[in-house]
């Protein structure tokens, strides 16, 4: 507050939060791909 850097810190937090969101999205996508791929392999085999 003394250096009037509220806007800068808000932007920094949003960048870090967005980066966490992107990392979580990649992790979720990779996890979501696993089940369909293994299901296709298994059902094809059956």
ModelCIF file with pLDDT and N, C-alpha, C, O atoms, coordinates in Angstrom:
data_MODEL
#
_entry.id   MODEL 
#
_entity.id                         1 
_entity.type                       polymer 
_entity.pdbx_number_of_molecules   1 
#
_entity_poly.entity_id                      1 
_entity_poly.type                           'polypeptide(L)' 
_entity_poly.nstd_linkage                   no 
_entity_poly.nstd_monomer                   no 
_entity_poly.pdbx_seq_one_letter_code       
;(UNK)(UNK)(UNK)(UNK)(UNK)(UNK)(UNK)(UNK)(UNK)(UNK)(UNK)(UNK)(UNK)(UNK)(UNK)(UNK)
(UNK)(UNK)(UNK)(UNK)(UNK)(UNK)(UNK)(UNK)(UNK)(UNK)(UNK)(UNK)(UNK)(UNK)(UNK)(UNK)
(UNK)(UNK)(UNK)(UNK)(UNK)(UNK)(UNK)(UNK)(UNK)(UNK)(UNK)(UNK)(UNK)(UNK)
;
_entity_poly.pdbx_seq_one_letter_code_can   XXXXXXXXXXXXXXXXXXXXXXXXXXXXXXXXXXXXXXXXXXXXXX 
_entity_poly.pdbx_strand_id                 A 
#
loop_
_entity_poly_seq.entity_id 
_entity_poly_seq.num 
_entity_poly_seq.mon_id 
_entity_poly_seq.hetero 
1 1  UNK n 
1 2  UNK n 
1 3  UNK n 
1 4  UNK n 
1 5  UNK n 
1 6  UNK n 
1 7  UNK n 
1 8  UNK n 
1 9  UNK n 
1 10 UNK n 
1 11 UNK n 
1 12 UNK n 
1 13 UNK n 
1 14 UNK n 
1 15 UNK n 
1 16 UNK n 
1 17 UNK n 
1 18 UNK n 
1 19 UNK n 
1 20 UNK n 
1 21 UNK n 
1 22 UNK n 
1 23 UNK n 
1 24 UNK n 
1 25 UNK n 
1 26 UNK n 
1 27 UNK n 
1 28 UNK n 
1 29 UNK n 
1 30 UNK n 
1 31 UNK n 
1 32 UNK n 
1 33 UNK n 
1 34 UNK n 
1 35 UNK n 
1 36 UNK n 
1 37 UNK n 
1 38 UNK n 
1 39 UNK n 
1 40 UNK n 
1 41 UNK n 
1 42 UNK n 
1 43 UNK n 
1 44 UNK n 
1 45 UNK n 
1 46 UNK n 
#
_struct_asym.id          A 
_struct_asym.entity_id   1 
#
loop_
_ma_qa_metric.id 
_ma_qa_metric.mode 
_ma_qa_metric.name 
_ma_qa_metric.software_group_id 
_ma_qa_metric.type 
1 global pLDDT . pLDDT 
2 local  pLDDT . pLDDT 
#
_ma_qa_metric_global.metric_id      1 
_ma_qa_metric_global.metric_value   86.11 
_ma_qa_metric_global.model_id       1 
_ma_qa_metric_global.ordinal_id     1 
#
loop_
_ma_qa_metric_local.label_asym_id 
_ma_qa_metric_local.label_comp_id 
_ma_qa_metric_local.label_seq_id 
_ma_qa_metric_local.metric_id 
_ma_qa_metric_local.metric_value 
_ma_qa_metric_local.model_id 
_ma_qa_metric_local.ordinal_id 
A UNK 1  2 87.00 1 1  
A UNK 2  2 85.00 1 2  
A UNK 3  2 85.00 1 3  
A UNK 4  2 87.00 1 4  
A UNK 5  2 87.00 1 5  
A UNK 6  2 89.00 1 6  
A UNK 7  2 90.00 1 7  
A UNK 8  2 90.00 1 8  
A UNK 9  2 90.00 1 9  
A UNK 10 2 91.00 1 10 
A UNK 11 2 92.00 1 11 
A UNK 12 2 90.00 1 12 
A UNK 13 2 91.00 1 13 
A UNK 14 2 93.00 1 14 
A UNK 15 2 92.00 1 15 
A UNK 16 2 92.00 1 16 
A UNK 17 2 93.00 1 17 
A UNK 18 2 93.00 1 18 
A UNK 19 2 92.00 1 19 
A UNK 20 2 92.00 1 20 
A UNK 21 2 93.00 1 21 
A UNK 22 2 92.00 1 22 
A UNK 23 2 90.00 1 23 
A UNK 24 2 90.00 1 24 
A UNK 25 2 91.00 1 25 
A UNK 26 2 89.00 1 26 
A UNK 27 2 85.00 1 27 
A UNK 28 2 85.00 1 28 
A UNK 29 2 87.00 1 29 
A UNK 30 2 83.00 1 30 
A UNK 31 2 79.00 1 31 
A UNK 32 2 80.00 1 32 
A UNK 33 2 81.00 1 33 
A UNK 34 2 78.00 1 34 
A UNK 35 2 76.00 1 35 
A UNK 36 2 81.00 1 36 
A UNK 37 2 80.00 1 37 
A UNK 38 2 77.00 1 38 
A UNK 39 2 79.00 1 39 
A UNK 40 2 83.00 1 40 
A UNK 41 2 80.00 1 41 
A UNK 42 2 79.00 1 42 
A UNK 43 2 81.00 1 43 
A UNK 44 2 82.00 1 44 
A UNK 45 2 78.00 1 45 
A UNK 46 2 81.00 1 46 
#
loop_
_atom_site.group_PDB 
_atom_site.id 
_atom_site.type_symbol 
_atom_site.label_atom_id 
_atom_site.label_alt_id 
_atom_site.label_comp_id 
_atom_site.label_asym_id 
_atom_site.label_entity_id 
_atom_site.label_seq_id 
_atom_site.pdbx_PDB_ins_code 
_atom_site.Cartn_x 
_atom_site.Cartn_y 
_atom_site.Cartn_z 
_atom_site.occupancy 
_atom_site.B_iso_or_equiv 
_atom_site.pdbx_formal_charge 
_atom_site.auth_seq_id 
_atom_site.auth_comp_id 
_atom_site.auth_asym_id 
_atom_site.auth_atom_id 
_atom_site.pdbx_PDB_model_num 
ATOM 1   N N  . UNK A 1 1  ? 0.831   -1.213  0.000   1.00 87.00 ? 1  UNK A N  1 
ATOM 2   C CA . UNK A 1 1  ? 0.000   0.000   0.000   1.00 87.00 ? 1  UNK A CA 1 
ATOM 3   C C  . UNK A 1 1  ? 0.862   1.257   0.000   1.00 87.00 ? 1  UNK A C  1 
ATOM 4   O O  . UNK A 1 1  ? 0.514   2.253   -0.634  1.00 87.00 ? 1  UNK A O  1 
ATOM 5   N N  . UNK A 1 2  ? 1.996   1.209   0.717   1.00 85.00 ? 2  UNK A N  1 
ATOM 6   C CA . UNK A 1 2  ? 2.857   2.388   0.794   1.00 85.00 ? 2  UNK A CA 1 
ATOM 7   C C  . UNK A 1 2  ? 3.421   2.766   -0.566  1.00 85.00 ? 2  UNK A C  1 
ATOM 8   O O  . UNK A 1 2  ? 3.601   3.949   -0.853  1.00 85.00 ? 2  UNK A O  1 
ATOM 9   N N  . UNK A 1 3  ? 3.704   1.771   -1.412  1.00 85.00 ? 3  UNK A N  1 
ATOM 10  C CA . UNK A 1 3  ? 4.254   2.034   -2.732  1.00 85.00 ? 3  UNK A CA 1 
ATOM 11  C C  . UNK A 1 3  ? 3.195   1.975   -3.833  1.00 85.00 ? 3  UNK A C  1 
ATOM 12  O O  . UNK A 1 3  ? 3.512   2.005   -5.023  1.00 85.00 ? 3  UNK A O  1 
ATOM 13  N N  . UNK A 1 4  ? 1.921   1.889   -3.407  1.00 87.00 ? 4  UNK A N  1 
ATOM 14  C CA . UNK A 1 4  ? 0.804   1.878   -4.353  1.00 87.00 ? 4  UNK A CA 1 
ATOM 15  C C  . UNK A 1 4  ? 0.987   0.799   -5.423  1.00 87.00 ? 4  UNK A C  1 
ATOM 16  O O  . UNK A 1 4  ? 0.834   1.067   -6.615  1.00 87.00 ? 4  UNK A O  1 
ATOM 17  N N  . UNK A 1 5  ? 1.313   -0.417  -4.991  1.00 87.00 ? 5  UNK A N  1 
ATOM 18  C CA . UNK A 1 5  ? 1.577   -1.515  -5.911  1.00 87.00 ? 5  UNK A CA 1 
ATOM 19  C C  . UNK A 1 5  ? 0.449   -2.551  -5.884  1.00 87.00 ? 5  UNK A C  1 
ATOM 20  O O  . UNK A 1 5  ? 0.665   -3.719  -6.208  1.00 87.00 ? 5  UNK A O  1 
ATOM 21  N N  . UNK A 1 6  ? -0.753  -2.116  -5.496  1.00 89.00 ? 6  UNK A N  1 
ATOM 22  C CA . UNK A 1 6  ? -1.855  -3.069  -5.434  1.00 89.00 ? 6  UNK A CA 1 
ATOM 23  C C  . UNK A 1 6  ? -2.135  -3.706  -6.792  1.00 89.00 ? 6  UNK A C  1 
ATOM 24  O O  . UNK A 1 6  ? -2.288  -4.923  -6.895  1.00 89.00 ? 6  UNK A O  1 
ATOM 25  N N  . UNK A 1 7  ? -2.199  -2.872  -7.836  1.00 90.00 ? 7  UNK A N  1 
ATOM 26  C CA . UNK A 1 7  ? -2.505  -3.392  -9.169  1.00 90.00 ? 7  UNK A CA 1 
ATOM 27  C C  . UNK A 1 7  ? -1.440  -4.381  -9.633  1.00 90.00 ? 7  UNK A C  1 
ATOM 28  O O  . UNK A 1 7  ? -1.755  -5.411  -10.228 1.00 90.00 ? 7  UNK A O  1 
ATOM 29  N N  . UNK A 1 8  ? -0.166  -4.058  -9.353  1.00 90.00 ? 8  UNK A N  1 
ATOM 30  C CA . UNK A 1 8  ? 0.925   -4.955  -9.753  1.00 90.00 ? 8  UNK A CA 1 
ATOM 31  C C  . UNK A 1 8  ? 0.804   -6.300  -9.047  1.00 90.00 ? 8  UNK A C  1 
ATOM 32  O O  . UNK A 1 8  ? 0.961   -7.348  -9.673  1.00 90.00 ? 8  UNK A O  1 
ATOM 33  N N  . UNK A 1 9  ? 0.522   -6.274  -7.736  1.00 90.00 ? 9  UNK A N  1 
ATOM 34  C CA . UNK A 1 9  ? 0.423   -7.521  -6.982  1.00 90.00 ? 9  UNK A CA 1 
ATOM 35  C C  . UNK A 1 9  ? -0.800  -8.337  -7.405  1.00 90.00 ? 9  UNK A C  1 
ATOM 36  O O  . UNK A 1 9  ? -0.752  -9.567  -7.436  1.00 90.00 ? 9  UNK A O  1 
ATOM 37  N N  . UNK A 1 10 ? -1.900  -7.641  -7.731  1.00 91.00 ? 10 UNK A N  1 
ATOM 38  C CA . UNK A 1 10 ? -3.084  -8.352  -8.229  1.00 91.00 ? 10 UNK A CA 1 
ATOM 39  C C  . UNK A 1 10 ? -2.765  -9.059  -9.542  1.00 91.00 ? 10 UNK A C  1 
ATOM 40  O O  . UNK A 1 10 ? -3.133  -10.217 -9.739  1.00 91.00 ? 10 UNK A O  1 
ATOM 41  N N  . UNK A 1 11 ? -2.077  -8.351  -10.440 1.00 92.00 ? 11 UNK A N  1 
ATOM 42  C CA . UNK A 1 11 ? -1.691  -8.960  -11.717 1.00 92.00 ? 11 UNK A CA 1 
ATOM 43  C C  . UNK A 1 11 ? -0.751  -10.146 -11.503 1.00 92.00 ? 11 UNK A C  1 
ATOM 44  O O  . UNK A 1 11 ? -0.878  -11.177 -12.164 1.00 92.00 ? 11 UNK A O  1 
ATOM 45  N N  . UNK A 1 12 ? 0.197   -9.989  -10.569 1.00 90.00 ? 12 UNK A N  1 
ATOM 46  C CA . UNK A 1 12 ? 1.139   -11.075 -10.293 1.00 90.00 ? 12 UNK A CA 1 
ATOM 47  C C  . UNK A 1 12 ? 0.408   -12.298 -9.744  1.00 90.00 ? 12 UNK A C  1 
ATOM 48  O O  . UNK A 1 12 ? 0.699   -13.429 -10.132 1.00 90.00 ? 12 UNK A O  1 
ATOM 49  N N  . UNK A 1 13 ? -0.544  -12.062 -8.836  1.00 91.00 ? 13 UNK A N  1 
ATOM 50  C CA . UNK A 1 13 ? -1.311  -13.178 -8.286  1.00 91.00 ? 13 UNK A CA 1 
ATOM 51  C C  . UNK A 1 13 ? -2.135  -13.861 -9.380  1.00 91.00 ? 13 UNK A C  1 
ATOM 52  O O  . UNK A 1 13 ? -2.233  -15.087 -9.421  1.00 91.00 ? 13 UNK A O  1 
ATOM 53  N N  . UNK A 1 14 ? -2.722  -13.055 -10.259 1.00 93.00 ? 14 UNK A N  1 
ATOM 54  C CA . UNK A 1 14 ? -3.526  -13.635 -11.333 1.00 93.00 ? 14 UNK A CA 1 
ATOM 55  C C  . UNK A 1 14 ? -2.662  -14.457 -12.296 1.00 93.00 ? 14 UNK A C  1 
ATOM 56  O O  . UNK A 1 14 ? -3.099  -15.495 -12.794 1.00 93.00 ? 14 UNK A O  1 
ATOM 57  N N  . UNK A 1 15 ? -1.423  -13.987 -12.558 1.00 92.00 ? 15 UNK A N  1 
ATOM 58  C CA . UNK A 1 15 ? -0.524  -14.763 -13.421 1.00 92.00 ? 15 UNK A CA 1 
ATOM 59  C C  . UNK A 1 15 ? -0.168  -16.096 -12.771 1.00 92.00 ? 15 UNK A C  1 
ATOM 60  O O  . UNK A 1 15 ? -0.196  -17.141 -13.421 1.00 92.00 ? 15 UNK A O  1 
ATOM 61  N N  . UNK A 1 16 ? 0.167   -16.049 -11.485 1.00 92.00 ? 16 UNK A N  1 
ATOM 62  C CA . UNK A 1 16 ? 0.507   -17.289 -10.787 1.00 92.00 ? 16 UNK A CA 1 
ATOM 63  C C  . UNK A 1 16 ? -0.699  -18.217 -10.700 1.00 92.00 ? 16 UNK A C  1 
ATOM 64  O O  . UNK A 1 16 ? -0.573  -19.433 -10.842 1.00 92.00 ? 16 UNK A O  1 
ATOM 65  N N  . UNK A 1 17 ? -1.861  -17.632 -10.466 1.00 93.00 ? 17 UNK A N  1 
ATOM 66  C CA . UNK A 1 17 ? -3.080  -18.441 -10.374 1.00 93.00 ? 17 UNK A CA 1 
ATOM 67  C C  . UNK A 1 17 ? -3.414  -19.060 -11.733 1.00 93.00 ? 17 UNK A C  1 
ATOM 68  O O  . UNK A 1 17 ? -3.808  -20.224 -11.814 1.00 93.00 ? 17 UNK A O  1 
ATOM 69  N N  . UNK A 1 18 ? -3.254  -18.270 -12.797 1.00 93.00 ? 18 UNK A N  1 
ATOM 70  C CA . UNK A 1 18 ? -3.497  -18.778 -14.146 1.00 93.00 ? 18 UNK A CA 1 
ATOM 71  C C  . UNK A 1 18 ? -2.517  -19.896 -14.487 1.00 93.00 ? 18 UNK A C  1 
ATOM 72  O O  . UNK A 1 18 ? -2.893  -20.886 -15.114 1.00 93.00 ? 18 UNK A O  1 
ATOM 73  N N  . UNK A 1 19 ? -1.249  -19.736 -14.070 1.00 92.00 ? 19 UNK A N  1 
ATOM 74  C CA . UNK A 1 19 ? -0.247  -20.766 -14.326 1.00 92.00 ? 19 UNK A CA 1 
ATOM 75  C C  . UNK A 1 19 ? -0.612  -22.064 -13.603 1.00 92.00 ? 19 UNK A C  1 
ATOM 76  O O  . UNK A 1 19 ? -0.459  -23.153 -14.156 1.00 92.00 ? 19 UNK A O  1 
ATOM 77  N N  . UNK A 1 20 ? -1.100  -21.941 -12.353 1.00 92.00 ? 20 UNK A N  1 
ATOM 78  C CA . UNK A 1 20 ? -1.530  -23.132 -11.629 1.00 92.00 ? 20 UNK A CA 1 
ATOM 79  C C  . UNK A 1 20 ? -2.718  -23.791 -12.346 1.00 92.00 ? 20 UNK A C  1 
ATOM 80  O O  . UNK A 1 20 ? -2.789  -25.015 -12.460 1.00 92.00 ? 20 UNK A O  1 
ATOM 81  N N  . UNK A 1 21 ? -3.640  -22.957 -12.822 1.00 93.00 ? 21 UNK A N  1 
ATOM 82  C CA . UNK A 1 21 ? -4.801  -23.479 -13.555 1.00 93.00 ? 21 UNK A CA 1 
ATOM 83  C C  . UNK A 1 21 ? -4.349  -24.240 -14.808 1.00 93.00 ? 21 UNK A C  1 
ATOM 84  O O  . UNK A 1 21 ? -4.850  -25.327 -15.095 1.00 93.00 ? 21 UNK A O  1 
ATOM 85  N N  . UNK A 1 22 ? -3.402  -23.660 -15.548 1.00 92.00 ? 22 UNK A N  1 
ATOM 86  C CA . UNK A 1 22 ? -2.912  -24.310 -16.767 1.00 92.00 ? 22 UNK A CA 1 
ATOM 87  C C  . UNK A 1 22 ? -2.222  -25.636 -16.449 1.00 92.00 ? 22 UNK A C  1 
ATOM 88  O O  . UNK A 1 22 ? -2.420  -26.630 -17.148 1.00 92.00 ? 22 UNK A O  1 
ATOM 89  N N  . UNK A 1 23 ? -1.404  -25.643 -15.378 1.00 90.00 ? 23 UNK A N  1 
ATOM 90  C CA . UNK A 1 23 ? -0.744  -26.887 -14.991 1.00 90.00 ? 23 UNK A CA 1 
ATOM 91  C C  . UNK A 1 23 ? -1.766  -27.944 -14.582 1.00 90.00 ? 23 UNK A C  1 
ATOM 92  O O  . UNK A 1 23 ? -1.638  -29.113 -14.947 1.00 90.00 ? 23 UNK A O  1 
ATOM 93  N N  . UNK A 1 24 ? -2.777  -27.529 -13.826 1.00 90.00 ? 24 UNK A N  1 
ATOM 94  C CA . UNK A 1 24 ? -3.820  -28.462 -13.416 1.00 90.00 ? 24 UNK A CA 1 
ATOM 95  C C  . UNK A 1 24 ? -4.626  -28.974 -14.596 1.00 90.00 ? 24 UNK A C  1 
ATOM 96  O O  . UNK A 1 24 ? -5.039  -30.133 -14.628 1.00 90.00 ? 24 UNK A O  1 
ATOM 97  N N  . UNK A 1 25 ? -4.847  -28.089 -15.571 1.00 91.00 ? 25 UNK A N  1 
ATOM 98  C CA . UNK A 1 25 ? -5.599  -28.491 -16.763 1.00 91.00 ? 25 UNK A CA 1 
ATOM 99  C C  . UNK A 1 25 ? -4.825  -29.548 -17.554 1.00 91.00 ? 25 UNK A C  1 
ATOM 100 O O  . UNK A 1 25 ? -5.410  -30.529 -18.014 1.00 91.00 ? 25 UNK A O  1 
ATOM 101 N N  . UNK A 1 26 ? -3.518  -29.353 -17.712 1.00 89.00 ? 26 UNK A N  1 
ATOM 102 C CA . UNK A 1 26 ? -2.703  -30.344 -18.429 1.00 89.00 ? 26 UNK A CA 1 
ATOM 103 C C  . UNK A 1 26 ? -2.739  -31.691 -17.696 1.00 89.00 ? 26 UNK A C  1 
ATOM 104 O O  . UNK A 1 26 ? -2.867  -32.752 -18.308 1.00 89.00 ? 26 UNK A O  1 
ATOM 105 N N  . UNK A 1 27 ? -2.621  -31.610 -16.353 1.00 85.00 ? 27 UNK A N  1 
ATOM 106 C CA . UNK A 1 27 ? -2.657  -32.839 -15.564 1.00 85.00 ? 27 UNK A CA 1 
ATOM 107 C C  . UNK A 1 27 ? -4.004  -33.548 -15.719 1.00 85.00 ? 27 UNK A C  1 
ATOM 108 O O  . UNK A 1 27 ? -4.053  -34.768 -15.879 1.00 85.00 ? 27 UNK A O  1 
ATOM 109 N N  . UNK A 1 28 ? -5.085  -32.788 -15.671 1.00 85.00 ? 28 UNK A N  1 
ATOM 110 C CA . UNK A 1 28 ? -6.419  -33.373 -15.802 1.00 85.00 ? 28 UNK A CA 1 
ATOM 111 C C  . UNK A 1 28 ? -6.635  -33.961 -17.192 1.00 85.00 ? 28 UNK A C  1 
ATOM 112 O O  . UNK A 1 28 ? -7.242  -35.022 -17.334 1.00 85.00 ? 28 UNK A O  1 
ATOM 113 N N  . UNK A 1 29 ? -6.139  -33.271 -18.214 1.00 87.00 ? 29 UNK A N  1 
ATOM 114 C CA . UNK A 1 29 ? -6.283  -33.772 -19.577 1.00 87.00 ? 29 UNK A CA 1 
ATOM 115 C C  . UNK A 1 29 ? -5.520  -35.084 -19.756 1.00 87.00 ? 29 UNK A C  1 
ATOM 116 O O  . UNK A 1 29 ? -6.013  -36.019 -20.387 1.00 87.00 ? 29 UNK A O  1 
ATOM 117 N N  . UNK A 1 30 ? -4.322  -35.143 -19.198 1.00 83.00 ? 30 UNK A N  1 
ATOM 118 C CA . UNK A 1 30 ? -3.540  -36.365 -19.314 1.00 83.00 ? 30 UNK A CA 1 
ATOM 119 C C  . UNK A 1 30 ? -4.227  -37.517 -18.591 1.00 83.00 ? 30 UNK A C  1 
ATOM 120 O O  . UNK A 1 30 ? -4.258  -38.643 -19.087 1.00 83.00 ? 30 UNK A O  1 
ATOM 121 N N  . UNK A 1 31 ? -4.776  -37.225 -17.415 1.00 79.00 ? 31 UNK A N  1 
ATOM 122 C CA . UNK A 1 31 ? -5.489  -38.257 -16.672 1.00 79.00 ? 31 UNK A CA 1 
ATOM 123 C C  . UNK A 1 31 ? -6.751  -38.686 -17.405 1.00 79.00 ? 31 UNK A C  1 
ATOM 124 O O  . UNK A 1 31 ? -7.105  -39.865 -17.403 1.00 79.00 ? 31 UNK A O  1 
ATOM 125 N N  . UNK A 1 32 ? -7.440  -37.718 -18.040 1.00 80.00 ? 32 UNK A N  1 
ATOM 126 C CA . UNK A 1 32 ? -8.675  -38.027 -18.759 1.00 80.00 ? 32 UNK A CA 1 
ATOM 127 C C  . UNK A 1 32 ? -8.406  -38.838 -20.024 1.00 80.00 ? 32 UNK A C  1 
ATOM 128 O O  . UNK A 1 32 ? -9.264  -39.607 -20.458 1.00 80.00 ? 32 UNK A O  1 
ATOM 129 N N  . UNK A 1 33 ? -7.230  -38.677 -20.617 1.00 81.00 ? 33 UNK A N  1 
ATOM 130 C CA . UNK A 1 33 ? -6.898  -39.437 -21.824 1.00 81.00 ? 33 UNK A CA 1 
ATOM 131 C C  . UNK A 1 33 ? -6.581  -40.893 -21.510 1.00 81.00 ? 33 UNK A C  1 
ATOM 132 O O  . UNK A 1 33 ? -6.777  -41.772 -22.350 1.00 81.00 ? 33 UNK A O  1 
ATOM 133 N N  . UNK A 1 34 ? -6.097  -41.143 -20.309 1.00 78.00 ? 34 UNK A N  1 
ATOM 134 C CA . UNK A 1 34 ? -5.643  -42.490 -19.975 1.00 78.00 ? 34 UNK A CA 1 
ATOM 135 C C  . UNK A 1 34 ? -6.782  -43.503 -20.068 1.00 78.00 ? 34 UNK A C  1 
ATOM 136 O O  . UNK A 1 34 ? -6.628  -44.560 -20.679 1.00 78.00 ? 34 UNK A O  1 
ATOM 137 N N  . UNK A 1 35 ? -7.921  -43.181 -19.462 1.00 76.00 ? 35 UNK A N  1 
ATOM 138 C CA . UNK A 1 35 ? -9.022  -44.151 -19.411 1.00 76.00 ? 35 UNK A CA 1 
ATOM 139 C C  . UNK A 1 35 ? -9.594  -44.458 -20.795 1.00 76.00 ? 35 UNK A C  1 
ATOM 140 O O  . UNK A 1 35 ? -9.767  -45.636 -21.105 1.00 76.00 ? 35 UNK A O  1 
ATOM 141 N N  . UNK A 1 36 ? -9.894  -43.485 -21.638 1.00 81.00 ? 36 UNK A N  1 
ATOM 142 C CA . UNK A 1 36 ? -10.398 -43.835 -22.972 1.00 81.00 ? 36 UNK A CA 1 
ATOM 143 C C  . UNK A 1 36 ? -9.426  -44.691 -23.783 1.00 81.00 ? 36 UNK A C  1 
ATOM 144 O O  . UNK A 1 36 ? -9.833  -45.632 -24.465 1.00 81.00 ? 36 UNK A O  1 
ATOM 145 N N  . UNK A 1 37 ? -8.132  -44.351 -23.702 1.00 80.00 ? 37 UNK A N  1 
ATOM 146 C CA . UNK A 1 37 ? -7.148  -45.106 -24.490 1.00 80.00 ? 37 UNK A CA 1 
ATOM 147 C C  . UNK A 1 37 ? -7.077  -46.557 -24.023 1.00 80.00 ? 37 UNK A C  1 
ATOM 148 O O  . UNK A 1 37 ? -7.110  -47.473 -24.844 1.00 80.00 ? 37 UNK A O  1 
ATOM 149 N N  . UNK A 1 38 ? -6.978  -46.773 -22.703 1.00 77.00 ? 38 UNK A N  1 
ATOM 150 C CA . UNK A 1 38 ? -6.915  -48.148 -22.199 1.00 77.00 ? 38 UNK A CA 1 
ATOM 151 C C  . UNK A 1 38 ? -8.225  -48.888 -22.428 1.00 77.00 ? 38 UNK A C  1 
ATOM 152 O O  . UNK A 1 38 ? -8.233  -50.095 -22.666 1.00 77.00 ? 38 UNK A O  1 
ATOM 153 N N  . UNK A 1 39 ? -9.345  -48.145 -22.355 1.00 79.00 ? 39 UNK A N  1 
ATOM 154 C CA . UNK A 1 39 ? -10.626 -48.798 -22.627 1.00 79.00 ? 39 UNK A CA 1 
ATOM 155 C C  . UNK A 1 39 ? -10.704 -49.278 -24.081 1.00 79.00 ? 39 UNK A C  1 
ATOM 156 O O  . UNK A 1 39 ? -11.175 -50.384 -24.348 1.00 79.00 ? 39 UNK A O  1 
ATOM 157 N N  . UNK A 1 40 ? -10.243 -48.446 -25.015 1.00 83.00 ? 40 UNK A N  1 
ATOM 158 C CA . UNK A 1 40 ? -10.250 -48.835 -26.430 1.00 83.00 ? 40 UNK A CA 1 
ATOM 159 C C  . UNK A 1 40 ? -9.398  -50.078 -26.640 1.00 83.00 ? 40 UNK A C  1 
ATOM 160 O O  . UNK A 1 40 ? -9.799  -51.002 -27.348 1.00 83.00 ? 40 UNK A O  1 
ATOM 161 N N  . UNK A 1 41 ? -8.177  -50.098 -25.999 1.00 80.00 ? 41 UNK A N  1 
ATOM 162 C CA . UNK A 1 41 ? -7.295  -51.254 -26.150 1.00 80.00 ? 41 UNK A CA 1 
ATOM 163 C C  . UNK A 1 41 ? -7.963  -52.516 -25.595 1.00 80.00 ? 41 UNK A C  1 
ATOM 164 O O  . UNK A 1 41 ? -7.957  -53.568 -26.234 1.00 80.00 ? 41 UNK A O  1 
ATOM 165 N N  . UNK A 1 42 ? -8.539  -52.389 -24.394 1.00 79.00 ? 42 UNK A N  1 
ATOM 166 C CA . UNK A 1 42 ? -9.131  -53.562 -23.752 1.00 79.00 ? 42 UNK A CA 1 
ATOM 167 C C  . UNK A 1 42 ? -10.369 -54.058 -24.508 1.00 79.00 ? 42 UNK A C  1 
ATOM 168 O O  . UNK A 1 42 ? -10.513 -55.257 -24.747 1.00 79.00 ? 42 UNK A O  1 
ATOM 169 N N  . UNK A 1 43 ? -11.264 -53.131 -24.885 1.00 81.00 ? 43 UNK A N  1 
ATOM 170 C CA . UNK A 1 43 ? -12.482 -53.544 -25.582 1.00 81.00 ? 43 UNK A CA 1 
ATOM 171 C C  . UNK A 1 43 ? -12.168 -54.104 -26.974 1.00 81.00 ? 43 UNK A C  1 
ATOM 172 O O  . UNK A 1 43 ? -12.834 -55.029 -27.438 1.00 81.00 ? 43 UNK A O  1 
ATOM 173 N N  . UNK A 1 44 ? -11.162 -53.548 -27.628 1.00 82.00 ? 44 UNK A N  1 
ATOM 174 C CA . UNK A 1 44 ? -10.746 -54.095 -28.914 1.00 82.00 ? 44 UNK A CA 1 
ATOM 175 C C  . UNK A 1 44 ? -10.265 -55.532 -28.753 1.00 82.00 ? 44 UNK A C  1 
ATOM 176 O O  . UNK A 1 44 ? -10.582 -56.411 -29.554 1.00 82.00 ? 44 UNK A O  1 
ATOM 177 N N  . UNK A 1 45 ? -9.487  -55.742 -27.691 1.00 78.00 ? 45 UNK A N  1 
ATOM 178 C CA . UNK A 1 45 ? -8.989  -57.090 -27.425 1.00 78.00 ? 45 UNK A CA 1 
ATOM 179 C C  . UNK A 1 45 ? -10.149 -58.062 -27.148 1.00 78.00 ? 45 UNK A C  1 
ATOM 180 O O  . UNK A 1 45 ? -10.169 -59.176 -27.671 1.00 78.00 ? 45 UNK A O  1 
ATOM 181 N N  . UNK A 1 46 ? -11.112 -57.628 -26.320 1.00 81.00 ? 46 UNK A N  1 
ATOM 182 C CA . UNK A 1 46 ? -12.244 -58.492 -25.971 1.00 81.00 ? 46 UNK A CA 1 
ATOM 183 C C  . UNK A 1 46 ? -13.090 -58.807 -27.201 1.00 81.00 ? 46 UNK A C  1 
ATOM 184 O O  . UNK A 1 46 ? -14.087 -59.522 -27.099 1.00 81.00 ? 46 UNK A O  1 
#
